[in-house]
PDB file of N, CA and C in Angstrom:
ATOM      1  N   UNK A   1      46.794  78.149 112.730  1.00  0.00           N
ATOM      2  CA  UNK A   1      47.696  77.548 111.766  1.00  0.00           C
ATOM      3  C   UNK A   1      48.565  78.614 111.092  1.00  0.00           C
ATOM      4  N   UNK A   2      47.941  79.705 110.663  1.00  0.00           N
ATOM      5  CA  UNK A   2      48.711  80.767 110.010  1.00  0.00           C
ATOM      6  C   UNK A   2      49.755  81.358 110.940  1.00  0.00           C
ATOM      7  N   UNK A   3      49.396  81.543 112.198  1.00  0.00           N
ATOM      8  CA  UNK A   3      50.349  82.171 113.121  1.00  0.00           C
ATOM      9  C   UNK A   3      51.627  81.356 113.231  1.00  0.00           C
ATOM     10  N   UNK A   4      51.505  80.058 113.402  1.00  0.00           N
ATOM     11  CA  UNK A   4      52.692  79.221 113.557  1.00  0.00           C
ATOM     12  C   UNK A   4      53.509  79.190 112.253  1.00  0.00           C
ATOM     13  N   UNK A   5      52.840  79.050 111.129  1.00  0.00           N
ATOM     14  CA  UNK A   5      53.541  79.041 109.837  1.00  0.00           C
ATOM     15  C   UNK A   5      54.254  80.368 109.611  1.00  0.00           C
ATOM     16  N   UNK A   6      53.592  81.458 109.944  1.00  0.00           N
ATOM     17  CA  UNK A   6      54.199  82.781 109.757  1.00  0.00           C
ATOM     18  C   UNK A   6      55.329  83.020 110.746  1.00  0.00           C
ATOM     19  N   UNK A   7      55.197  82.482 111.950  1.00  0.00           N
ATOM     20  CA  UNK A   7      56.292  82.570 112.912  1.00  0.00           C
ATOM     21  C   UNK A   7      57.511  81.841 112.360  1.00  0.00           C
ATOM     22  N   UNK A   8      57.300  80.683 111.763  1.00  0.00           N
ATOM     23  CA  UNK A   8      58.418  79.945 111.154  1.00  0.00           C
ATOM     24  C   UNK A   8      59.048  80.753 110.013  1.00  0.00           C
ATOM     25  N   UNK A   9      58.225  81.451 109.243  1.00  0.00           N
ATOM     26  CA  UNK A   9      58.743  82.307 108.171  1.00  0.00           C
ATOM     27  C   UNK A   9      59.638  83.401 108.750  1.00  0.00           C
ATOM     28  N   UNK A  10      59.186  84.013 109.828  1.00  0.00           N
ATOM     29  CA  UNK A  10      59.983  85.051 110.488  1.00  0.00           C
ATOM     30  C   UNK A  10      61.298  84.469 110.987  1.00  0.00           C
ATOM     31  N   UNK A  11      61.250  83.289 111.581  1.00  0.00           N
ATOM     32  CA  UNK A  11      62.475  82.659 112.069  1.00  0.00           C
ATOM     33  C   UNK A  11      63.417  82.323 110.916  1.00  0.00           C
ATOM     34  N   UNK A  12      62.862  81.932 109.781  1.00  0.00           N
ATOM     35  CA  UNK A  12      63.685  81.691 108.587  1.00  0.00           C
ATOM     36  C   UNK A  12      64.368  82.979 108.141  1.00  0.00           C
ATOM     37  N   UNK A  13      63.647  84.083 108.191  1.00  0.00           N
ATOM     38  CA  UNK A  13      64.227  85.379 107.827  1.00  0.00           C
ATOM     39  C   UNK A  13      65.376  85.737 108.765  1.00  0.00           C
ATOM     40  N   UNK A  14      65.186  85.493 110.056  1.00  0.00           N
ATOM     41  CA  UNK A  14      66.253  85.766 111.016  1.00  0.00           C
ATOM     42  C   UNK A  14      67.460  84.872 110.735  1.00  0.00           C
ATOM     43  N   UNK A  15      67.211  83.613 110.365  1.00  0.00           N
ATOM     44  CA  UNK A  15      68.305  82.687 110.057  1.00  0.00           C
ATOM     45  C   UNK A  15      69.112  83.165 108.852  1.00  0.00           C
ATOM     46  N   UNK A  16      68.419  83.706 107.853  1.00  0.00           N
ATOM     47  CA  UNK A  16      69.112  84.252 106.675  1.00  0.00           C
ATOM     48  C   UNK A  16      70.066  85.364 107.105  1.00  0.00           C
ATOM     49  N   UNK A  17      69.672  86.093 108.138  1.00  0.00           N
ATOM     50  CA  UNK A  17      70.517  87.169 108.667  1.00  0.00           C
ATOM     51  C   UNK A  17      71.557  86.651 109.661  1.00  0.00           C
ATOM     52  N   UNK A  18      71.637  85.314 109.818  1.00  0.00           N
ATOM     53  CA  UNK A  18      72.620  84.719 110.711  1.00  0.00           C
ATOM     54  C   UNK A  18      72.183  84.626 112.155  1.00  0.00           C
ATOM     55  N   UNK A  19      70.923  84.881 112.421  1.00  0.00           N
ATOM     56  CA  UNK A  19      70.401  84.842 113.788  1.00  0.00           C
ATOM     57  C   UNK A  19      69.691  83.508 113.970  1.00  0.00           C
ATOM     58  N   UNK A  20      70.346  82.588 114.695  1.00  0.00           N
ATOM     59  CA  UNK A  20      69.804  81.237 114.799  1.00  0.00           C
ATOM     60  C   UNK A  20      69.560  80.761 116.222  1.00  0.00           C
ATOM     61  N   UNK A  21      70.149  81.361 117.204  1.00  0.00           N
ATOM     62  CA  UNK A  21      69.979  80.911 118.580  1.00  0.00           C
ATOM     63  C   UNK A  21      68.592  81.226 119.115  1.00  0.00           C
ATOM     64  N   UNK A  22      68.017  80.283 119.840  1.00  0.00           N
ATOM     65  CA  UNK A  22      66.659  80.452 120.370  1.00  0.00           C
ATOM     66  C   UNK A  22      66.557  81.656 121.302  1.00  0.00           C
ATOM     67  N   UNK A  23      67.538  81.837 122.155  1.00  0.00           N
ATOM     68  CA  UNK A  23      67.498  82.949 123.105  1.00  0.00           C
ATOM     69  C   UNK A  23      67.565  84.281 122.363  1.00  0.00           C
ATOM     70  N   UNK A  24      68.446  84.381 121.387  1.00  0.00           N
ATOM     71  CA  UNK A  24      68.587  85.616 120.612  1.00  0.00           C
ATOM     72  C   UNK A  24      67.337  85.899 119.803  1.00  0.00           C
ATOM     73  N   UNK A  25      66.817  84.877 119.136  1.00  0.00           N
ATOM     74  CA  UNK A  25      65.592  85.054 118.346  1.00  0.00           C
ATOM     75  C   UNK A  25      64.445  85.522 119.226  1.00  0.00           C
ATOM     76  N   UNK A  26      64.267  84.852 120.352  1.00  0.00           N
ATOM     77  CA  UNK A  26      63.178  85.209 121.258  1.00  0.00           C
ATOM     78  C   UNK A  26      63.332  86.645 121.744  1.00  0.00           C
ATOM     79  N   UNK A  27      64.551  87.031 122.068  1.00  0.00           N
ATOM     80  CA  UNK A  27      64.808  88.394 122.526  1.00  0.00           C
ATOM     81  C   UNK A  27      64.429  89.410 121.456  1.00  0.00           C
ATOM     82  N   UNK A  28      64.788  89.133 120.220  1.00  0.00           N
ATOM     83  CA  UNK A  28      64.440  90.024 119.114  1.00  0.00           C
ATOM     84  C   UNK A  28      62.929  90.124 118.967  1.00  0.00           C
ATOM     85  N   UNK A  29      62.235  88.999 119.162  1.00  0.00           N
ATOM     86  CA  UNK A  29      60.778  88.965 119.005  1.00  0.00           C
ATOM     87  C   UNK A  29      60.034  89.510 120.219  1.00  0.00           C
ATOM     88  N   UNK A  30      60.760  89.779 121.293  1.00  0.00           N
ATOM     89  CA  UNK A  30      60.133  90.340 122.485  1.00  0.00           C
ATOM     90  C   UNK A  30      59.416  89.321 123.344  1.00  0.00           C
ATOM     91  N   UNK A  31      59.829  88.049 123.213  1.00  0.00           N
ATOM     92  CA  UNK A  31      59.205  86.992 124.012  1.00  0.00           C
ATOM     93  C   UNK A  31      60.288  86.154 124.676  1.00  0.00           C
ATOM     94  N   UNK A  32      59.890  85.341 125.636  1.00  0.00           N
ATOM     95  CA  UNK A  32      60.788  84.450 126.353  1.00  0.00           C
ATOM     96  C   UNK A  32      61.166  83.273 125.451  1.00  0.00           C
ATOM     97  N   UNK A  33      62.400  82.793 125.558  1.00  0.00           N
ATOM     98  CA  UNK A  33      62.828  81.691 124.697  1.00  0.00           C
ATOM     99  C   UNK A  33      62.027  80.416 124.942  1.00  0.00           C
ATOM    100  N   UNK A  34      61.624  80.167 126.179  1.00  0.00           N
ATOM    101  CA  UNK A  34      60.793  78.978 126.456  1.00  0.00           C
ATOM    102  C   UNK A  34      59.432  79.120 125.807  1.00  0.00           C
ATOM    103  N   UNK A  35      58.914  80.334 125.792  1.00  0.00           N
ATOM    104  CA  UNK A  35      57.628  80.601 125.140  1.00  0.00           C
ATOM    105  C   UNK A  35      57.742  80.373 123.629  1.00  0.00           C
ATOM    106  N   UNK A  36      58.834  80.834 123.038  1.00  0.00           N
ATOM    107  CA  UNK A  36      59.049  80.627 121.609  1.00  0.00           C
ATOM    108  C   UNK A  36      59.087  79.139 121.280  1.00  0.00           C
ATOM    109  N   UNK A  37      59.850  78.380 122.042  1.00  0.00           N
ATOM    110  CA  UNK A  37      59.933  76.940 121.790  1.00  0.00           C
ATOM    111  C   UNK A  37      58.571  76.272 121.960  1.00  0.00           C
ATOM    112  N   UNK A  38      57.821  76.688 122.965  1.00  0.00           N
ATOM    113  CA  UNK A  38      56.482  76.123 123.176  1.00  0.00           C
ATOM    114  C   UNK A  38      55.571  76.442 121.992  1.00  0.00           C
ATOM    115  N   UNK A  39      55.654  77.650 121.477  1.00  0.00           N
ATOM    116  CA  UNK A  39      54.847  78.035 120.313  1.00  0.00           C
ATOM    117  C   UNK A  39      55.184  77.161 119.114  1.00  0.00           C
ATOM    118  N   UNK A  40      56.465  76.912 118.915  1.00  0.00           N
ATOM    119  CA  UNK A  40      56.889  76.092 117.783  1.00  0.00           C
ATOM    120  C   UNK A  40      56.453  74.644 117.937  1.00  0.00           C
ATOM    121  N   UNK A  41      56.265  74.222 119.177  1.00  0.00           N
ATOM    122  CA  UNK A  41      55.834  72.845 119.451  1.00  0.00           C
ATOM    123  C   UNK A  41      54.319  72.697 119.485  1.00  0.00           C
ATOM    124  N   UNK A  42      53.600  73.778 119.236  1.00  0.00           N
ATOM    125  CA  UNK A  42      52.153  73.658 119.148  1.00  0.00           C
ATOM    126  C   UNK A  42      51.342  74.455 120.147  1.00  0.00           C
ATOM    127  N   UNK A  43      52.006  75.128 121.098  1.00  0.00           N
ATOM    128  CA  UNK A  43      51.267  75.944 122.057  1.00  0.00           C
ATOM    129  C   UNK A  43      50.555  77.081 121.325  1.00  0.00           C
ATOM    130  N   UNK A  44      49.362  77.392 121.800  1.00  0.00           N
ATOM    131  CA  UNK A  44      48.575  78.484 121.231  1.00  0.00           C
ATOM    132  C   UNK A  44      49.380  79.782 121.268  1.00  0.00           C
ATOM    133  N   UNK A  45      49.370  80.509 120.173  1.00  0.00           N
ATOM    134  CA  UNK A  45      50.025  81.817 120.096  1.00  0.00           C
ATOM    135  C   UNK A  45      48.955  82.864 120.370  1.00  0.00           C
ATOM    136  N   UNK A  46      49.041  83.479 121.526  1.00  0.00           N
ATOM    137  CA  UNK A  46      48.017  84.432 121.956  1.00  0.00           C
ATOM    138  C   UNK A  46      48.016  85.679 121.086  1.00  0.00           C
ATOM    139  N   UNK A  47      46.914  86.408 121.147  1.00  0.00           N
ATOM    140  CA  UNK A  47      46.831  87.686 120.432  1.00  0.00           C
ATOM    141  C   UNK A  47      47.937  88.628 120.891  1.00  0.00           C
ATOM    142  N   UNK A  48      48.171  88.668 122.195  1.00  0.00           N
ATOM    143  CA  UNK A  48      49.203  89.550 122.749  1.00  0.00           C
ATOM    144  C   UNK A  48      50.584  89.190 122.199  1.00  0.00           C
ATOM    145  N   UNK A  49      50.902  87.906 122.181  1.00  0.00           N
ATOM    146  CA  UNK A  49      52.204  87.470 121.665  1.00  0.00           C
ATOM    147  C   UNK A  49      52.311  87.751 120.171  1.00  0.00           C
ATOM    148  N   UNK A  50      51.239  87.498 119.432  1.00  0.00           N
ATOM    149  CA  UNK A  50      51.245  87.741 117.984  1.00  0.00           C
ATOM    150  C   UNK A  50      51.512  89.213 117.686  1.00  0.00           C
ATOM    151  N   UNK A  51      50.829  90.107 118.408  1.00  0.00           N
ATOM    152  CA  UNK A  51      51.020  91.536 118.173  1.00  0.00           C
ATOM    153  C   UNK A  51      52.431  91.966 118.557  1.00  0.00           C
ATOM    154  N   UNK A  52      53.000  91.398 119.618  1.00  0.00           N
ATOM    155  CA  UNK A  52      54.367  91.729 120.037  1.00  0.00           C
ATOM    156  C   UNK A  52      55.368  91.303 118.963  1.00  0.00           C
ATOM    157  N   UNK A  53      55.186  90.112 118.425  1.00  0.00           N
ATOM    158  CA  UNK A  53      56.076  89.613 117.374  1.00  0.00           C
ATOM    159  C   UNK A  53      55.967  90.491 116.130  1.00  0.00           C
ATOM    160  N   UNK A  54      54.749  90.828 115.751  1.00  0.00           N
ATOM    161  CA  UNK A  54      54.547  91.706 114.586  1.00  0.00           C
ATOM    162  C   UNK A  54      55.238  93.047 114.793  1.00  0.00           C
ATOM    163  N   UNK A  55      55.075  93.626 115.960  1.00  0.00           N
ATOM    164  CA  UNK A  55      55.692  94.918 116.252  1.00  0.00           C
ATOM    165  C   UNK A  55      57.213  94.803 116.181  1.00  0.00           C
ATOM    166  N   UNK A  56      57.746  93.757 116.797  1.00  0.00           N
ATOM    167  CA  UNK A  56      59.198  93.577 116.836  1.00  0.00           C
ATOM    168  C   UNK A  56      59.785  93.402 115.439  1.00  0.00           C
ATOM    169  N   UNK A  57      59.024  92.771 114.554  1.00  0.00           N
ATOM    170  CA  UNK A  57      59.507  92.507 113.194  1.00  0.00           C
ATOM    171  C   UNK A  57      58.994  93.534 112.181  1.00  0.00           C
ATOM    172  N   UNK A  58      58.406  94.602 112.681  1.00  0.00           N
ATOM    173  CA  UNK A  58      57.899  95.702 111.852  1.00  0.00           C
ATOM    174  C   UNK A  58      56.891  95.223 110.810  1.00  0.00           C
ATOM    175  N   UNK A  59      56.004  94.347 111.254  1.00  0.00           N
ATOM    176  CA  UNK A  59      54.898  93.888 110.410  1.00  0.00           C
ATOM    177  C   UNK A  59      53.637  94.619 110.858  1.00  0.00           C
ATOM    178  N   UNK A  60      52.712  94.786 109.956  1.00  0.00           N
ATOM    179  CA  UNK A  60      51.454  95.436 110.330  1.00  0.00           C
ATOM    180  C   UNK A  60      50.659  94.506 111.253  1.00  0.00           C
ATOM    181  N   UNK A  61      49.804  95.110 112.056  1.00  0.00           N
ATOM    182  CA  UNK A  61      48.964  94.336 112.971  1.00  0.00           C
ATOM    183  C   UNK A  61      48.092  93.366 112.175  1.00  0.00           C
ATOM    184  N   UNK A  62      48.100  92.118 112.585  1.00  0.00           N
ATOM    185  CA  UNK A  62      47.318  91.085 111.920  1.00  0.00           C
ATOM    186  C   UNK A  62      48.106  90.260 110.918  1.00  0.00           C
ATOM    187  N   UNK A  63      49.353  90.635 110.655  1.00  0.00           N
ATOM    188  CA  UNK A  63      50.169  89.934 109.665  1.00  0.00           C
ATOM    189  C   UNK A  63      50.305  88.449 109.990  1.00  0.00           C
ATOM    190  N   UNK A  64      50.521  88.123 111.255  1.00  0.00           N
ATOM    191  CA  UNK A  64      50.688  86.714 111.626  1.00  0.00           C
ATOM    192  C   UNK A  64      49.429  85.897 111.367  1.00  0.00           C
ATOM    193  N   UNK A  65      48.285  86.538 111.315  1.00  0.00           N
ATOM    194  CA  UNK A  65      47.018  85.831 111.133  1.00  0.00           C
ATOM    195  C   UNK A  65      46.704  85.532 109.671  1.00  0.00           C
ATOM    196  N   UNK A  66      47.439  86.117 108.769  1.00  0.00           N
ATOM    197  CA  UNK A  66      47.154  85.993 107.339  1.00  0.00           C
ATOM    198  C   UNK A  66      47.940  84.847 106.709  1.00  0.00           C
ATOM    199  N   UNK A  67      47.461  84.375 105.570  1.00  0.00           N
ATOM    200  CA  UNK A  67      48.122  83.314 104.815  1.00  0.00           C
ATOM    201  C   UNK A  67      49.131  83.951 103.861  1.00  0.00           C
ATOM    202  N   UNK A  68      50.414  83.696 104.105  1.00  0.00           N
ATOM    203  CA  UNK A  68      51.481  84.280 103.288  1.00  0.00           C
ATOM    204  C   UNK A  68      52.250  83.215 102.512  1.00  0.00           C
ATOM    205  N   UNK A  69      51.677  82.040 102.355  1.00  0.00           N
ATOM    206  CA  UNK A  69      52.408  80.936 101.723  1.00  0.00           C
ATOM    207  C   UNK A  69      52.828  81.230 100.294  1.00  0.00           C
ATOM    208  N   UNK A  70      52.120  82.074  99.595  1.00  0.00           N
ATOM    209  CA  UNK A  70      52.451  82.353  98.195  1.00  0.00           C
ATOM    210  C   UNK A  70      53.395  83.541  98.033  1.00  0.00           C
ATOM    211  N   UNK A  71      53.748  84.182  99.144  1.00  0.00           N
ATOM    212  CA  UNK A  71      54.626  85.344  99.085  1.00  0.00           C
ATOM    213  C   UNK A  71      56.083  84.920  99.213  1.00  0.00           C
ATOM    214  N   UNK A  72      56.978  85.786  98.782  1.00  0.00           N
ATOM    215  CA  UNK A  72      58.411  85.536  98.935  1.00  0.00           C
ATOM    216  C   UNK A  72      58.843  85.970 100.323  1.00  0.00           C
ATOM    217  N   UNK A  73      60.102  85.749 100.649  1.00  0.00           N
ATOM    218  CA  UNK A  73      60.628  86.177 101.941  1.00  0.00           C
ATOM    219  C   UNK A  73      60.756  87.686 102.041  1.00  0.00           C
ATOM    220  N   UNK A  74      60.722  88.377 100.913  1.00  0.00           N
ATOM    221  CA  UNK A  74      60.755  89.840 100.953  1.00  0.00           C
ATOM    222  C   UNK A  74      59.409  90.323 101.449  1.00  0.00           C
ATOM    223  N   UNK A  75      59.418  91.166 102.451  1.00  0.00           N
ATOM    224  CA  UNK A  75      58.160  91.685 102.979  1.00  0.00           C
ATOM    225  C   UNK A  75      58.106  93.123 102.648  1.00  0.00           C
TER     226      UNK A  75
END
């Protein structure tokens, strides 16, 4: 649950920066655009994919697994 919610937070951050296209977002995150869409639709986000997304977005390892609902968009 946290991974998907945190992935949405990351996508919101990219949108604030004007990055909204699925292909562009996926490329920035280091994953395939079809994989990104599948993740958003409920597909399991693997450990490998989570770590790749964290690395791409300069988050510490494990960030996607944590509950960040009370935090602001500033990381």
